[in-house]
N, C-alpha and C. Protein backbone atom coordinates (compact mmCIF):
# COMPACT_ATOMS: atom_id res chain seq x y z
N UNK A 1 16.82 69.41 24.42
CA UNK A 1 15.16 68.80 23.99
C UNK A 1 15.25 67.71 23.15
N UNK A 2 14.43 66.64 23.10
CA UNK A 2 14.41 65.95 22.22
C UNK A 2 13.74 66.21 20.56
N UNK A 3 14.14 64.91 19.56
CA UNK A 3 14.03 65.65 18.57
C UNK A 3 12.47 65.08 18.31
N UNK A 4 11.42 65.39 17.14
CA UNK A 4 10.55 64.83 16.79
C UNK A 4 10.57 63.62 16.36
N UNK A 5 11.58 63.02 15.70
CA UNK A 5 11.57 61.38 15.11
C UNK A 5 11.44 60.72 16.36
N UNK A 6 11.80 61.06 17.72
CA UNK A 6 11.83 60.21 18.87
C UNK A 6 10.62 59.37 19.11
N UNK A 7 9.64 60.58 19.01
CA UNK A 7 8.45 60.67 19.57
C UNK A 7 7.10 60.60 18.45
N UNK A 8 7.14 60.58 17.61
CA UNK A 8 6.21 60.94 16.70
C UNK A 8 5.81 59.20 16.08
N UNK A 9 4.46 59.74 16.01
CA UNK A 9 4.26 57.46 16.02
C UNK A 9 4.34 57.28 13.54
N UNK A 10 5.25 56.55 13.62
CA UNK A 10 5.59 55.77 12.57
C UNK A 10 4.22 55.25 11.57
N UNK A 11 3.54 54.80 11.99
CA UNK A 11 2.23 54.99 11.58
C UNK A 11 1.76 55.69 10.43
N UNK A 12 1.71 55.46 9.16
CA UNK A 12 0.75 56.69 8.94
C UNK A 12 -0.46 56.18 7.77
N UNK A 13 -1.39 56.33 7.77
CA UNK A 13 -2.13 55.91 6.59
C UNK A 13 -2.68 56.96 6.45
N UNK A 14 -2.93 56.84 4.74
CA UNK A 14 -3.40 57.61 3.75
C UNK A 14 -4.66 57.12 3.37
N UNK A 15 -5.01 58.50 2.82
CA UNK A 15 -6.56 58.52 1.84
C UNK A 15 -6.98 59.31 1.18
N UNK A 16 -6.66 59.06 0.19
CA UNK A 16 -7.11 59.78 -1.50
C UNK A 16 -8.37 61.05 -0.71
N UNK A 17 -7.99 62.23 -1.66
CA UNK A 17 -9.29 63.49 -1.23
C UNK A 17 -10.17 62.96 -2.27
N UNK A 18 -10.23 62.57 -2.95
CA UNK A 18 -11.36 62.40 -4.08
C UNK A 18 -12.06 60.93 -3.45
N UNK A 19 -12.14 60.52 -2.08
CA UNK A 19 -12.97 59.34 -1.91
C UNK A 19 -13.72 59.96 -0.69
N UNK A 20 -15.18 58.94 -0.90
CA UNK A 20 -16.29 59.85 -0.45
C UNK A 20 -15.67 59.82 1.32
N UNK A 21 -15.94 60.19 2.02
CA UNK A 21 -16.23 60.39 3.65
C UNK A 21 -16.73 59.28 4.27
N UNK A 22 -17.69 57.66 3.49
CA UNK A 22 -17.68 57.36 3.77
C UNK A 22 -16.79 55.92 3.91
N UNK A 23 -15.96 56.31 2.95
CA UNK A 23 -14.48 55.69 2.99
C UNK A 23 -13.49 55.61 4.24
N UNK A 24 -13.66 56.85 4.48
CA UNK A 24 -12.55 57.66 5.40
C UNK A 24 -13.17 56.84 7.08
N UNK A 25 -14.55 56.90 7.24
CA UNK A 25 -14.94 56.15 8.07
C UNK A 25 -14.90 54.58 8.07
N UNK A 26 -14.61 54.06 7.55
CA UNK A 26 -14.39 52.21 6.85
C UNK A 26 -12.64 52.20 7.45
N UNK A 27 -11.82 53.52 7.34
CA UNK A 27 -11.16 53.28 6.88
C UNK A 27 -10.44 53.97 8.40
N UNK A 28 -11.13 54.30 9.56
CA UNK A 28 -11.16 54.51 10.68
C UNK A 28 -11.31 53.72 11.40
N UNK A 29 -12.46 53.52 11.04
CA UNK A 29 -13.08 51.94 11.90
C UNK A 29 -11.66 50.68 11.94
N UNK A 30 -11.04 50.30 11.08
CA UNK A 30 -10.58 49.15 10.30
C UNK A 30 -8.93 49.50 10.71
N UNK A 31 -8.68 50.62 11.05
CA UNK A 31 -7.24 51.02 11.54
C UNK A 31 -7.48 51.31 12.91
N UNK A 32 -8.29 51.98 13.48
CA UNK A 32 -7.97 52.56 14.66
C UNK A 32 -7.30 53.36 14.87
N UNK A 33 -7.12 54.60 14.01
CA UNK A 33 -6.61 56.04 14.20
C UNK A 33 -7.35 56.70 14.38
N UNK A 34 -6.53 58.08 14.91
CA UNK A 34 -7.42 59.16 14.68
C UNK A 34 -7.38 60.23 13.69
N UNK A 35 -6.49 60.31 12.75
CA UNK A 35 -5.72 60.68 11.71
C UNK A 35 -5.77 60.19 10.64
N UNK A 36 -6.14 61.02 9.48
CA UNK A 36 -5.15 60.00 8.44
C UNK A 36 -5.16 60.75 7.20
N UNK A 37 -3.66 60.89 7.23
CA UNK A 37 -3.10 62.18 5.94
C UNK A 37 -3.62 61.60 4.65
N UNK A 38 -4.27 62.96 4.26
CA UNK A 38 -4.95 62.79 3.28
C UNK A 38 -4.51 63.84 1.58
N UNK A 39 -4.35 62.87 0.84
CA UNK A 39 -3.39 62.58 -0.34
C UNK A 39 -4.13 63.16 -2.06
N UNK A 40 -3.61 63.78 -2.38
CA UNK A 40 -4.34 63.66 -3.98
C UNK A 40 -3.98 62.70 -4.90
N UNK A 41 -4.66 62.59 -5.82
CA UNK A 41 -4.46 61.05 -6.26
C UNK A 41 -3.03 61.70 -7.10
N UNK A 42 -1.72 62.19 -6.92
CA UNK A 42 -0.61 62.15 -7.47
C UNK A 42 0.22 61.79 -6.26
N UNK A 43 -0.55 61.78 -5.39
CA UNK A 43 0.20 61.13 -4.21
C UNK A 43 0.48 62.60 -3.39
N UNK A 44 0.58 64.00 -3.76
CA UNK A 44 1.24 64.91 -2.71
C UNK A 44 0.09 65.00 -1.42
N UNK A 45 0.42 65.59 -0.53
CA UNK A 45 -0.14 65.90 0.70
C UNK A 45 -1.33 67.21 0.69
N UNK A 46 -2.35 66.68 1.13
CA UNK A 46 -3.39 68.04 0.88
C UNK A 46 -3.80 68.22 2.52
N UNK A 47 -3.60 67.44 3.39
CA UNK A 47 -4.00 67.84 4.22
C UNK A 47 -4.14 66.47 5.49
N UNK A 48 -4.65 67.14 6.63
CA UNK A 48 -4.93 65.87 7.96
C UNK A 48 -6.61 65.73 7.94
N UNK A 49 -7.04 64.83 7.84
CA UNK A 49 -8.21 64.24 8.34
C UNK A 49 -8.63 63.84 9.65
N UNK A 50 -9.52 64.21 10.29
CA UNK A 50 -9.54 63.88 12.09
C UNK A 50 -10.88 63.14 11.80
N UNK A 51 -10.93 62.03 12.88
CA UNK A 51 -12.26 61.82 12.82
C UNK A 51 -12.94 62.66 13.57
N UNK A 52 -12.57 63.36 14.10
CA UNK A 52 -13.67 64.29 14.65
C UNK A 52 -14.37 65.50 13.61
N UNK A 53 -13.14 65.32 13.17
CA UNK A 53 -13.67 66.56 11.36
C UNK A 53 -14.81 65.19 10.49
N UNK A 54 -15.07 64.12 10.48
CA UNK A 54 -15.50 63.31 10.03
C UNK A 54 -17.01 63.79 10.93
N UNK A 55 -16.97 63.10 11.99
CA UNK A 55 -18.13 63.14 12.91
C UNK A 55 -18.73 64.72 12.58
N UNK A 56 -18.36 65.36 12.43
CA UNK A 56 -19.03 66.85 12.78
C UNK A 56 -19.47 67.23 11.16
N UNK A 57 -18.96 66.43 9.82
CA UNK A 57 -19.79 66.27 8.87
C UNK A 57 -21.37 65.33 8.78
N UNK A 58 -21.02 64.76 9.12
CA UNK A 58 -21.99 63.81 9.83
C UNK A 58 -23.04 64.63 8.96
N UNK A 59 -23.54 65.33 10.12
CA UNK A 59 -24.97 66.19 10.19
C UNK A 59 -25.25 67.58 8.79
N UNK A 60 -24.10 67.55 8.45
CA UNK A 60 -24.45 68.27 7.02
C UNK A 60 -24.80 68.10 5.98
N UNK A 61 -25.89 68.82 4.87
CA UNK A 61 -26.01 68.87 4.09
C UNK A 61 -24.89 67.96 2.99
N UNK A 62 -25.88 67.04 2.00
CA UNK A 62 -24.97 66.49 1.15
C UNK A 62 -23.66 65.42 1.72
N UNK A 63 -23.87 65.21 2.95
CA UNK A 63 -23.20 63.73 3.46
C UNK A 63 -23.19 62.78 2.32
N UNK A 64 -22.49 62.02 1.89
CA UNK A 64 -21.01 61.84 2.82
C UNK A 64 -19.75 62.98 1.90
N UNK A 65 -20.41 63.30 0.88
CA UNK A 65 -19.36 64.47 0.31
C UNK A 65 -17.87 63.59 0.59
N UNK A 66 -16.63 64.79 0.28
CA UNK A 66 -15.45 64.09 -0.70
C UNK A 66 -14.62 64.27 0.61
N UNK A 67 -13.51 63.49 1.06
CA UNK A 67 -12.89 63.84 2.18
C UNK A 67 -11.70 65.15 1.49
N UNK A 68 -11.46 65.37 0.46
CA UNK A 68 -10.88 66.39 0.25
C UNK A 68 -11.77 68.18 1.14
N UNK A 69 -13.42 68.12 0.81
CA UNK A 69 -13.97 68.78 1.24
C UNK A 69 -13.69 69.14 2.58
N UNK A 70 -13.03 68.23 4.00
CA UNK A 70 -13.27 68.36 5.15
C UNK A 70 -11.52 68.93 5.68
N UNK A 71 -11.04 69.31 4.80
CA UNK A 71 -9.44 68.95 4.99
C UNK A 71 -8.56 70.71 5.28
N UNK A 72 -7.84 71.21 5.66
CA UNK A 72 -7.29 72.27 5.28
C UNK A 72 -6.26 72.21 4.42
N UNK A 73 -6.30 73.26 3.62
CA UNK A 73 -4.88 72.79 2.30
C UNK A 73 -3.78 72.89 2.85
N UNK A 74 -2.77 72.47 3.16
CA UNK A 74 -1.11 73.03 3.38
C UNK A 74 -1.36 72.88 5.10
N UNK A 75 -1.47 71.07 5.72
CA UNK A 75 -1.60 70.95 7.25
C UNK A 75 0.06 71.64 7.51
N UNK A 76 0.00 71.93 8.64
CA UNK A 76 1.16 72.51 9.66
C UNK A 76 2.34 71.50 9.59
N UNK A 77 3.55 71.20 9.60
CA UNK A 77 4.59 70.22 9.10
C UNK A 77 5.76 71.05 9.67
N UNK A 78 6.13 69.59 10.34
CA UNK A 78 7.23 69.48 11.36
C UNK A 78 8.06 68.64 10.74
N UNK A 79 9.43 69.26 10.97
CA UNK A 79 10.76 67.82 10.09
C UNK A 79 11.24 67.08 11.42
N UNK A 80 11.45 65.72 11.21
CA UNK A 80 11.99 64.69 11.95
C UNK A 80 12.70 65.01 13.07
N UNK A 81 13.35 66.38 12.41
CA UNK A 81 14.67 66.84 13.13
C UNK A 81 14.45 67.98 13.89
N UNK A 82 12.99 68.61 14.07
CA UNK A 82 12.85 70.02 14.64
C UNK A 82 12.35 69.08 16.41
N UNK A 83 13.15 70.30 17.10
CA UNK A 83 12.31 69.65 18.72
C UNK A 83 11.10 69.94 18.93
N UNK A 84 11.11 68.88 20.06
CA UNK A 84 9.53 69.02 20.48
C UNK A 84 9.24 70.18 20.47
N UNK A 85 9.62 70.82 21.30
CA UNK A 85 8.83 72.25 21.64
C UNK A 85 9.13 73.31 20.36
N UNK A 86 9.66 73.40 19.07
CA UNK A 86 9.19 73.73 18.04
C UNK A 86 8.13 73.16 17.61
N UNK A 87 7.89 71.72 17.53
CA UNK A 87 6.56 71.13 17.00
C UNK A 87 5.39 71.81 18.01
N UNK A 88 5.22 71.68 19.49
CA UNK A 88 4.38 71.99 20.32
C UNK A 88 4.26 73.53 20.12
N UNK A 89 5.18 74.22 19.30
CA UNK A 89 4.86 75.37 19.13
C UNK A 89 3.94 75.88 17.41
N UNK A 90 4.25 74.82 17.05
CA UNK A 90 3.40 75.07 15.78
C UNK A 90 2.07 74.04 15.62
N UNK A 91 1.87 73.18 16.70
CA UNK A 91 0.57 73.22 16.87
C UNK A 91 -0.32 74.15 18.03
N UNK A 92 0.33 74.91 18.82
CA UNK A 92 -0.49 75.72 19.50
C UNK A 92 -0.91 76.87 18.62
N UNK A 93 0.06 77.19 17.55
CA UNK A 93 0.13 78.31 16.65
C UNK A 93 -1.34 77.75 15.60
N UNK A 94 -1.56 76.62 15.13
CA UNK A 94 -2.14 76.66 14.36
C UNK A 94 -3.67 75.89 14.84
N UNK A 95 -3.42 75.82 15.89
CA UNK A 95 -4.60 75.11 16.84
C UNK A 95 -5.38 73.87 16.52
N UNK A 96 -4.17 72.43 16.22
CA UNK A 96 -4.38 71.37 15.70
C UNK A 96 -4.04 70.69 16.78
N UNK A 97 -4.44 69.27 16.61
CA UNK A 97 -3.69 68.71 17.79
C UNK A 97 -3.02 67.53 17.41
N UNK A 98 -2.85 67.80 15.27
CA UNK A 98 -1.46 66.82 14.93
C UNK A 98 -0.83 67.69 14.29
N UNK A 99 0.24 66.93 13.33
CA UNK A 99 0.56 68.12 12.84
C UNK A 99 1.75 66.63 12.09
N UNK A 100 1.90 67.05 10.38
CA UNK A 100 2.53 65.88 9.85
C UNK A 100 3.46 66.36 10.05
N UNK A 101 4.54 65.03 10.07
CA UNK A 101 6.37 64.93 9.69
C UNK A 101 6.42 64.55 8.62
N UNK A 102 7.27 65.76 8.20
CA UNK A 102 7.87 65.36 6.59
C UNK A 102 8.88 65.69 6.49
N UNK A 103 10.11 64.72 5.58
CA UNK A 103 11.21 65.23 5.45
C UNK A 103 12.01 66.20 4.81
N UNK A 104 12.66 66.24 3.86
CA UNK A 104 13.27 67.30 3.26
C UNK A 104 13.10 67.67 1.84
N UNK A 105 12.47 66.33 1.93
CA UNK A 105 11.63 66.18 0.57
C UNK A 105 10.40 66.34 0.18
N UNK A 106 9.92 66.71 1.62
CA UNK A 106 8.95 66.78 1.39
C UNK A 106 7.46 65.46 1.59
N UNK A 107 8.27 63.90 1.79
CA UNK A 107 7.41 63.01 1.97
C UNK A 107 7.34 63.12 3.40
N UNK A 108 6.29 62.59 3.48
CA UNK A 108 5.69 62.22 5.06
C UNK A 108 6.18 60.83 5.63
N UNK A 109 6.51 60.81 6.78
CA UNK A 109 7.65 60.14 7.83
C UNK A 109 6.76 59.76 9.11
N UNK A 110 5.56 60.87 9.35
CA UNK A 110 5.18 59.92 10.22
C UNK A 110 4.32 61.65 10.92
N UNK A 111 3.32 60.50 12.47
CA UNK A 111 2.47 62.17 12.55
C UNK A 111 3.11 62.47 13.76
N UNK A 112 2.59 63.79 14.57
CA UNK A 112 3.02 63.91 15.84
C UNK A 112 1.75 64.20 16.38
N UNK A 113 0.97 63.44 17.18
CA UNK A 113 0.08 64.15 17.80
C UNK A 113 0.52 64.54 19.17
N UNK A 114 -0.95 65.69 19.81
CA UNK A 114 -0.80 65.98 20.78
C UNK A 114 -0.57 64.31 22.29
N UNK A 115 -1.05 63.45 21.99
CA UNK A 115 -0.83 62.41 22.92
C UNK A 115 0.57 61.94 22.76
N UNK A 116 1.40 61.70 21.56
CA UNK A 116 2.76 61.50 21.30
C UNK A 116 3.21 62.56 22.31
N UNK A 117 3.08 63.92 22.01
CA UNK A 117 3.58 64.99 23.44
C UNK A 117 3.17 64.46 24.95
N UNK A 118 2.20 64.20 25.09
CA UNK A 118 1.99 63.96 26.43
C UNK A 118 2.64 62.61 26.90
N UNK A 119 2.79 61.77 26.30
CA UNK A 119 3.29 60.66 26.99
C UNK A 119 4.47 60.52 26.86
N UNK A 120 5.42 61.35 25.91
CA UNK A 120 6.69 61.64 26.33
C UNK A 120 6.97 62.79 27.92
N UNK A 121 5.87 63.61 27.93
CA UNK A 121 6.09 64.72 28.91
C UNK A 121 5.84 63.44 30.44
N UNK A 122 4.95 62.33 30.34
CA UNK A 122 4.87 61.60 31.41
C UNK A 122 5.72 61.19 31.73
N UNK A 123 6.48 60.75 30.28
CA UNK A 123 7.56 59.24 30.55
C UNK A 123 6.93 58.05 30.33
N UNK A 124 5.90 58.07 29.94
CA UNK A 124 5.33 56.73 29.49
C UNK A 124 5.44 56.61 27.77
N UNK A 125 5.17 55.21 27.51
CA UNK A 125 5.42 54.56 26.57
C UNK A 125 3.91 53.81 26.22
N UNK A 126 3.24 53.86 25.21
CA UNK A 126 2.63 53.26 24.89
C UNK A 126 2.63 52.17 24.03
N UNK A 127 2.01 50.83 23.94
CA UNK A 127 2.53 49.74 23.61
C UNK A 127 2.04 49.69 22.07
N UNK A 128 2.96 48.63 21.08
CA UNK A 128 3.08 49.50 19.90
C UNK A 128 3.74 50.76 19.25
N UNK A 129 2.90 50.96 18.38
CA UNK A 129 3.61 52.51 17.23
C UNK A 129 2.50 53.31 17.78
N UNK A 130 1.68 53.34 18.80
CA UNK A 130 0.68 54.13 19.40
C UNK A 130 -0.34 54.35 18.10
N UNK A 131 -1.75 54.62 18.67
CA UNK A 131 -2.72 55.09 17.79
C UNK A 131 -2.71 56.52 17.27
N UNK A 132 -2.54 57.33 16.29
CA UNK A 132 -2.66 58.48 15.87
C UNK A 132 -3.83 59.52 16.05
């Protein structure tokens, strides 16, 4: 089985947890990705924010609110050396469509999304580094 590092998206865009969700909207539009890594002001990973979470927050009282209020603490993570089956199991167990890929020091080195897995299984390659 192939390792996560062979299919993960290396293009990672981060946003601070104390930013307004409106900043997240601008970041999504400017970067054309579907997930942002959310970091604390000290740059530790807090979670993962999807465009769907932002859209769901649009109708809530208190919009725009803060990015950190929309993410789960301690998002599911995998290692770049984990095999894809393990990564898929982590995603299914957590009911998420993306996981943070972190090295042994905890540094984020990529993202693995369901689209990365499906693309790999289908034997196709996305142009460029892929939109996460």
